[in-house]
Amino acid sequence: MAFDASMPILVVDDYTTMIRIVRNLLRQLGFEDIDDASDGSGALAKMRSRRYGLVISDWNMEPMTGYDLLKHVRSDPKLAATPFIMVTAESKTENVVAAKQAGVNNYIVKPFNADTLKAKIDAVFAEPGQ
């Protein structure tokens, strides 16, 4: 299934410049309904009040990391099915493995461009059940 450009997306990053970059890339891809949060706990609160079609979250944040956010999302029956892409500056194999085991749908290493982001989003929505 192709993604729906009208679906709401939540971008989570503690670095406002990165939120702006991801927001601009998403707009280039045709998305317009984009929310943001500056850490995992803020994201979780937004996710509990609104249903998102996709979460794009940084890994390294304080006080709640993207990895912790992912674990909370996957353990909450109301949020568990939400597609989730993890963004990180580190491509350590153990991080990729940990994210996969925690249920991440895809993984992007910074820096990336609109083509990379589109390919990752396409891959998430090509998965059975999405």
N, C-alpha and C. Protein backbone atom coordinates (compact mmCIF):
# COMPACT_ATOMS: atom_id res chain seq x y z
N MET A 1 0.84 -1.19 0.00
CA MET A 1 0.00 0.00 0.00
C MET A 1 0.87 1.24 0.00
N ALA A 2 0.58 2.19 -0.84
CA ALA A 2 1.32 3.45 -0.87
C ALA A 2 0.89 4.29 0.32
N PHE A 3 1.76 5.18 0.75
CA PHE A 3 1.38 6.02 1.88
C PHE A 3 0.37 7.08 1.46
N ASP A 4 -0.37 7.57 2.44
CA ASP A 4 -1.38 8.59 2.23
C ASP A 4 -0.78 9.93 2.64
N ALA A 5 -0.61 10.85 1.69
CA ALA A 5 0.04 12.14 1.97
C ALA A 5 -0.76 13.01 2.92
N SER A 6 -2.04 12.66 3.16
CA SER A 6 -2.84 13.46 4.08
C SER A 6 -2.75 12.95 5.53
N MET A 7 -2.06 11.83 5.74
CA MET A 7 -1.98 11.29 7.10
C MET A 7 -1.14 12.21 8.00
N PRO A 8 -1.55 12.30 9.28
CA PRO A 8 -0.75 13.10 10.21
C PRO A 8 0.55 12.39 10.58
N ILE A 9 1.63 13.16 10.64
CA ILE A 9 2.95 12.63 10.98
C ILE A 9 3.48 13.37 12.19
N LEU A 10 4.10 12.64 13.10
CA LEU A 10 4.72 13.23 14.28
C LEU A 10 6.24 13.11 14.14
N VAL A 11 6.92 14.26 14.17
CA VAL A 11 8.38 14.30 14.11
C VAL A 11 8.88 14.60 15.51
N VAL A 12 9.79 13.75 16.03
CA VAL A 12 10.27 13.89 17.40
C VAL A 12 11.78 14.08 17.38
N ASP A 13 12.23 15.23 17.88
CA ASP A 13 13.67 15.51 17.95
C ASP A 13 13.88 16.65 18.94
N ASP A 14 14.95 16.57 19.70
CA ASP A 14 15.23 17.64 20.67
C ASP A 14 15.99 18.80 20.04
N TYR A 15 16.30 18.69 18.77
CA TYR A 15 17.05 19.70 18.05
C TYR A 15 16.10 20.38 17.06
N THR A 16 15.71 21.64 17.32
CA THR A 16 14.69 22.29 16.50
C THR A 16 15.09 22.40 15.03
N THR A 17 16.38 22.54 14.76
CA THR A 17 16.83 22.60 13.36
C THR A 17 16.52 21.30 12.65
N MET A 18 16.71 20.17 13.32
CA MET A 18 16.43 18.87 12.71
C MET A 18 14.92 18.71 12.46
N ILE A 19 14.10 19.18 13.39
CA ILE A 19 12.65 19.13 13.17
C ILE A 19 12.30 19.93 11.92
N ARG A 20 12.89 21.11 11.78
CA ARG A 20 12.62 21.95 10.61
C ARG A 20 13.06 21.25 9.32
N ILE A 21 14.23 20.62 9.35
CA ILE A 21 14.74 19.90 8.17
C ILE A 21 13.79 18.76 7.78
N VAL A 22 13.42 17.92 8.75
CA VAL A 22 12.54 16.78 8.46
C VAL A 22 11.17 17.28 7.99
N ARG A 23 10.66 18.33 8.61
CA ARG A 23 9.39 18.94 8.22
C ARG A 23 9.45 19.39 6.75
N ASN A 24 10.54 20.06 6.38
CA ASN A 24 10.71 20.53 4.99
C ASN A 24 10.80 19.36 4.01
N LEU A 25 11.53 18.30 4.39
CA LEU A 25 11.63 17.12 3.53
C LEU A 25 10.26 16.48 3.35
N LEU A 26 9.50 16.38 4.43
CA LEU A 26 8.16 15.79 4.36
C LEU A 26 7.25 16.63 3.45
N ARG A 27 7.37 17.95 3.56
CA ARG A 27 6.57 18.83 2.69
C ARG A 27 6.95 18.62 1.22
N GLN A 28 8.26 18.44 0.95
CA GLN A 28 8.70 18.16 -0.43
C GLN A 28 8.05 16.89 -0.96
N LEU A 29 7.78 15.95 -0.05
CA LEU A 29 7.17 14.68 -0.45
C LEU A 29 5.64 14.77 -0.50
N GLY A 30 5.09 15.93 -0.16
CA GLY A 30 3.65 16.13 -0.26
C GLY A 30 2.87 16.05 1.04
N PHE A 31 3.55 15.85 2.16
CA PHE A 31 2.86 15.78 3.45
C PHE A 31 2.65 17.19 3.99
N GLU A 32 1.48 17.41 4.60
CA GLU A 32 1.19 18.74 5.13
C GLU A 32 0.81 18.72 6.60
N ASP A 33 0.27 17.61 7.07
CA ASP A 33 -0.20 17.51 8.46
C ASP A 33 0.94 16.97 9.33
N ILE A 34 1.80 17.88 9.81
CA ILE A 34 3.02 17.48 10.51
C ILE A 34 3.05 18.14 11.89
N ASP A 35 3.09 17.33 12.93
CA ASP A 35 3.25 17.79 14.31
C ASP A 35 4.68 17.50 14.74
N ASP A 36 5.10 18.12 15.85
CA ASP A 36 6.42 17.79 16.38
C ASP A 36 6.41 17.78 17.89
N ALA A 37 7.41 17.11 18.44
CA ALA A 37 7.62 17.05 19.88
C ALA A 37 9.13 17.08 20.12
N SER A 38 9.54 17.62 21.27
CA SER A 38 10.97 17.79 21.53
C SER A 38 11.60 16.63 22.31
N ASP A 39 10.80 15.67 22.74
CA ASP A 39 11.34 14.47 23.38
C ASP A 39 10.27 13.39 23.42
N GLY A 40 10.67 12.21 23.87
CA GLY A 40 9.77 11.06 23.87
C GLY A 40 8.53 11.24 24.72
N SER A 41 8.67 11.87 25.90
CA SER A 41 7.49 12.02 26.75
C SER A 41 6.48 12.98 26.14
N GLY A 42 6.96 14.06 25.50
CA GLY A 42 6.05 14.97 24.81
C GLY A 42 5.36 14.27 23.64
N ALA A 43 6.12 13.44 22.94
CA ALA A 43 5.57 12.69 21.81
C ALA A 43 4.50 11.71 22.29
N LEU A 44 4.77 11.03 23.37
CA LEU A 44 3.81 10.06 23.90
C LEU A 44 2.50 10.75 24.27
N ALA A 45 2.60 11.91 24.90
CA ALA A 45 1.39 12.67 25.27
C ALA A 45 0.60 13.03 24.01
N LYS A 46 1.29 13.49 22.96
CA LYS A 46 0.59 13.83 21.71
C LYS A 46 -0.03 12.59 21.08
N MET A 47 0.68 11.47 21.13
CA MET A 47 0.17 10.24 20.53
C MET A 47 -1.05 9.71 21.26
N ARG A 48 -1.16 10.02 22.54
CA ARG A 48 -2.32 9.55 23.31
C ARG A 48 -3.54 10.44 23.06
N SER A 49 -3.32 11.64 22.50
CA SER A 49 -4.46 12.52 22.24
C SER A 49 -4.82 12.59 20.75
N ARG A 50 -3.95 12.06 19.88
CA ARG A 50 -4.22 12.10 18.44
C ARG A 50 -3.60 10.86 17.78
N ARG A 51 -4.29 10.34 16.78
CA ARG A 51 -3.78 9.17 16.07
C ARG A 51 -2.90 9.64 14.91
N TYR A 52 -1.66 9.17 14.86
CA TYR A 52 -0.72 9.52 13.80
C TYR A 52 -0.54 8.36 12.83
N GLY A 53 -0.34 8.70 11.57
CA GLY A 53 -0.12 7.68 10.55
C GLY A 53 1.33 7.22 10.52
N LEU A 54 2.22 8.04 11.12
CA LEU A 54 3.65 7.73 11.12
C LEU A 54 4.35 8.57 12.17
N VAL A 55 5.33 7.96 12.85
CA VAL A 55 6.20 8.68 13.78
C VAL A 55 7.61 8.59 13.24
N ILE A 56 8.28 9.73 13.17
CA ILE A 56 9.70 9.78 12.79
C ILE A 56 10.42 10.38 13.98
N SER A 57 11.22 9.55 14.67
CA SER A 57 11.82 9.98 15.93
C SER A 57 13.33 9.84 15.94
N ASP A 58 13.99 10.85 16.50
CA ASP A 58 15.41 10.77 16.77
C ASP A 58 15.65 9.76 17.88
N TRP A 59 16.82 9.14 17.89
CA TRP A 59 17.17 8.19 18.94
C TRP A 59 17.63 8.92 20.20
N ASN A 60 18.58 9.85 20.04
CA ASN A 60 19.25 10.49 21.18
C ASN A 60 18.53 11.75 21.63
N MET A 61 17.74 11.60 22.70
CA MET A 61 17.04 12.73 23.31
C MET A 61 17.00 12.53 24.81
N GLU A 62 16.84 13.62 25.53
CA GLU A 62 16.65 13.58 26.97
C GLU A 62 15.32 14.25 27.29
N PRO A 63 14.58 13.89 28.31
CA PRO A 63 14.85 12.78 29.22
C PRO A 63 14.42 11.41 28.67
N MET A 64 13.47 11.39 27.71
CA MET A 64 13.06 10.10 27.15
C MET A 64 13.60 9.98 25.72
N THR A 65 14.40 8.95 25.49
CA THR A 65 15.00 8.74 24.17
C THR A 65 13.96 8.22 23.17
N GLY A 66 14.33 8.26 21.90
CA GLY A 66 13.47 7.70 20.87
C GLY A 66 13.30 6.19 21.05
N TYR A 67 14.36 5.55 21.52
CA TYR A 67 14.29 4.11 21.78
C TYR A 67 13.27 3.81 22.88
N ASP A 68 13.30 4.60 23.96
CA ASP A 68 12.32 4.42 25.04
C ASP A 68 10.91 4.72 24.55
N LEU A 69 10.79 5.77 23.73
CA LEU A 69 9.49 6.09 23.14
C LEU A 69 8.97 4.91 22.33
N LEU A 70 9.81 4.33 21.50
CA LEU A 70 9.43 3.18 20.69
C LEU A 70 8.92 2.04 21.57
N LYS A 71 9.64 1.76 22.66
CA LYS A 71 9.22 0.67 23.56
C LYS A 71 7.86 0.98 24.20
N HIS A 72 7.63 2.24 24.59
CA HIS A 72 6.33 2.63 25.16
C HIS A 72 5.22 2.48 24.13
N VAL A 73 5.49 2.92 22.90
CA VAL A 73 4.49 2.84 21.83
C VAL A 73 4.13 1.38 21.57
N ARG A 74 5.12 0.52 21.44
CA ARG A 74 4.86 -0.89 21.12
C ARG A 74 4.17 -1.63 22.27
N SER A 75 4.32 -1.14 23.51
CA SER A 75 3.69 -1.83 24.64
C SER A 75 2.28 -1.30 24.93
N ASP A 76 1.86 -0.24 24.25
CA ASP A 76 0.52 0.34 24.45
C ASP A 76 -0.40 -0.17 23.33
N PRO A 77 -1.42 -0.97 23.69
CA PRO A 77 -2.29 -1.56 22.65
C PRO A 77 -2.92 -0.53 21.71
N LYS A 78 -3.18 0.69 22.21
CA LYS A 78 -3.80 1.73 21.37
C LYS A 78 -2.80 2.33 20.38
N LEU A 79 -1.51 2.24 20.68
CA LEU A 79 -0.47 2.87 19.85
C LEU A 79 0.40 1.87 19.10
N ALA A 80 0.33 0.61 19.50
CA ALA A 80 1.30 -0.40 19.04
C ALA A 80 1.42 -0.53 17.53
N ALA A 81 0.35 -0.28 16.80
CA ALA A 81 0.38 -0.48 15.34
C ALA A 81 0.92 0.74 14.59
N THR A 82 1.23 1.82 15.29
CA THR A 82 1.69 3.05 14.63
C THR A 82 3.04 2.82 13.95
N PRO A 83 3.13 3.07 12.65
CA PRO A 83 4.42 2.94 11.95
C PRO A 83 5.45 3.90 12.55
N PHE A 84 6.68 3.41 12.72
CA PHE A 84 7.70 4.16 13.47
C PHE A 84 9.04 4.07 12.73
N ILE A 85 9.61 5.22 12.40
CA ILE A 85 10.93 5.28 11.79
C ILE A 85 11.88 5.95 12.78
N MET A 86 13.00 5.31 13.06
CA MET A 86 14.01 5.84 13.97
C MET A 86 15.09 6.55 13.17
N VAL A 87 15.49 7.73 13.65
CA VAL A 87 16.55 8.52 13.01
C VAL A 87 17.71 8.63 14.00
N THR A 88 18.92 8.42 13.51
CA THR A 88 20.07 8.54 14.41
C THR A 88 21.31 8.97 13.63
N ALA A 89 22.23 9.55 14.35
CA ALA A 89 23.51 9.93 13.74
C ALA A 89 24.48 8.75 13.79
N GLU A 90 24.13 7.72 14.55
CA GLU A 90 25.03 6.57 14.73
C GLU A 90 24.50 5.37 13.96
N SER A 91 25.39 4.68 13.27
CA SER A 91 24.96 3.49 12.54
C SER A 91 25.48 2.22 13.20
N LYS A 92 25.65 2.28 14.53
CA LYS A 92 26.13 1.11 15.26
C LYS A 92 25.18 -0.06 15.06
N THR A 93 25.75 -1.21 14.74
CA THR A 93 24.95 -2.40 14.50
C THR A 93 24.07 -2.74 15.70
N GLU A 94 24.61 -2.60 16.92
CA GLU A 94 23.81 -2.96 18.10
C GLU A 94 22.59 -2.05 18.26
N ASN A 95 22.69 -0.79 17.83
CA ASN A 95 21.53 0.10 17.90
C ASN A 95 20.46 -0.33 16.90
N VAL A 96 20.90 -0.67 15.69
CA VAL A 96 19.95 -1.11 14.67
C VAL A 96 19.24 -2.38 15.14
N VAL A 97 20.00 -3.32 15.68
CA VAL A 97 19.44 -4.58 16.17
C VAL A 97 18.46 -4.31 17.32
N ALA A 98 18.85 -3.44 18.27
CA ALA A 98 17.98 -3.13 19.40
C ALA A 98 16.68 -2.49 18.93
N ALA A 99 16.78 -1.57 17.98
CA ALA A 99 15.58 -0.91 17.46
C ALA A 99 14.68 -1.92 16.75
N LYS A 100 15.27 -2.81 15.95
CA LYS A 100 14.48 -3.84 15.26
C LYS A 100 13.78 -4.74 16.27
N GLN A 101 14.51 -5.15 17.31
CA GLN A 101 13.92 -6.02 18.33
C GLN A 101 12.79 -5.31 19.09
N ALA A 102 12.91 -3.99 19.22
CA ALA A 102 11.87 -3.22 19.92
C ALA A 102 10.67 -2.94 19.02
N GLY A 103 10.80 -3.26 17.72
CA GLY A 103 9.66 -3.15 16.82
C GLY A 103 9.67 -1.96 15.89
N VAL A 104 10.84 -1.37 15.63
CA VAL A 104 10.90 -0.24 14.70
C VAL A 104 10.57 -0.73 13.29
N ASN A 105 9.91 0.11 12.49
CA ASN A 105 9.59 -0.28 11.12
C ASN A 105 10.72 0.01 10.15
N ASN A 106 11.49 1.08 10.44
CA ASN A 106 12.62 1.41 9.59
C ASN A 106 13.58 2.31 10.35
N TYR A 107 14.74 2.54 9.76
CA TYR A 107 15.85 3.17 10.45
C TYR A 107 16.57 4.07 9.44
N ILE A 108 16.82 5.33 9.80
CA ILE A 108 17.53 6.25 8.91
C ILE A 108 18.75 6.81 9.65
N VAL A 109 19.89 6.79 8.97
CA VAL A 109 21.10 7.38 9.54
C VAL A 109 21.29 8.78 8.96
N LYS A 110 21.51 9.76 9.85
CA LYS A 110 21.77 11.14 9.42
C LYS A 110 23.16 11.22 8.79
N PRO A 111 23.38 12.11 7.85
CA PRO A 111 22.39 12.95 7.20
C PRO A 111 21.65 12.18 6.12
N PHE A 112 20.47 12.66 5.76
CA PHE A 112 19.68 12.02 4.71
C PHE A 112 18.94 13.08 3.93
N ASN A 113 18.44 12.70 2.75
CA ASN A 113 17.73 13.65 1.88
C ASN A 113 16.29 13.17 1.66
N ALA A 114 15.55 13.93 0.85
CA ALA A 114 14.14 13.61 0.60
C ALA A 114 13.99 12.24 -0.06
N ASP A 115 14.91 11.89 -0.98
CA ASP A 115 14.82 10.59 -1.66
C ASP A 115 14.97 9.44 -0.67
N THR A 116 15.92 9.57 0.25
CA THR A 116 16.13 8.54 1.28
C THR A 116 14.90 8.43 2.17
N LEU A 117 14.39 9.58 2.61
CA LEU A 117 13.21 9.57 3.47
C LEU A 117 12.01 8.94 2.75
N LYS A 118 11.81 9.29 1.50
CA LYS A 118 10.71 8.72 0.72
C LYS A 118 10.87 7.20 0.60
N ALA A 119 12.10 6.73 0.32
CA ALA A 119 12.34 5.29 0.20
C ALA A 119 12.03 4.57 1.51
N LYS A 120 12.41 5.17 2.64
CA LYS A 120 12.15 4.55 3.95
C LYS A 120 10.65 4.53 4.24
N ILE A 121 9.95 5.63 3.94
CA ILE A 121 8.51 5.67 4.16
C ILE A 121 7.81 4.67 3.24
N ASP A 122 8.20 4.63 1.96
CA ASP A 122 7.64 3.65 1.03
C ASP A 122 7.81 2.23 1.55
N ALA A 123 9.01 1.93 2.07
CA ALA A 123 9.29 0.59 2.58
C ALA A 123 8.39 0.25 3.77
N VAL A 124 8.17 1.22 4.65
CA VAL A 124 7.30 0.98 5.82
C VAL A 124 5.89 0.63 5.36
N PHE A 125 5.37 1.37 4.37
CA PHE A 125 3.99 1.15 3.96
C PHE A 125 3.85 0.02 2.95
N ALA A 126 4.96 -0.55 2.52
CA ALA A 126 4.93 -1.74 1.67
C ALA A 126 4.84 -3.01 2.51
N GLU A 127 5.10 -2.86 3.83
CA GLU A 127 5.06 -4.02 4.74
C GLU A 127 3.63 -4.52 4.86
N PRO A 128 3.45 -5.84 4.94
CA PRO A 128 2.10 -6.38 5.14
C PRO A 128 1.50 -5.83 6.44
N GLY A 129 0.24 -5.50 6.40
CA GLY A 129 -0.44 -5.05 7.62
C GLY A 129 -0.41 -3.56 7.82
N GLN A 130 0.30 -2.80 6.99
CA GLN A 130 0.33 -1.34 7.17
C GLN A 130 -0.69 -0.68 6.28
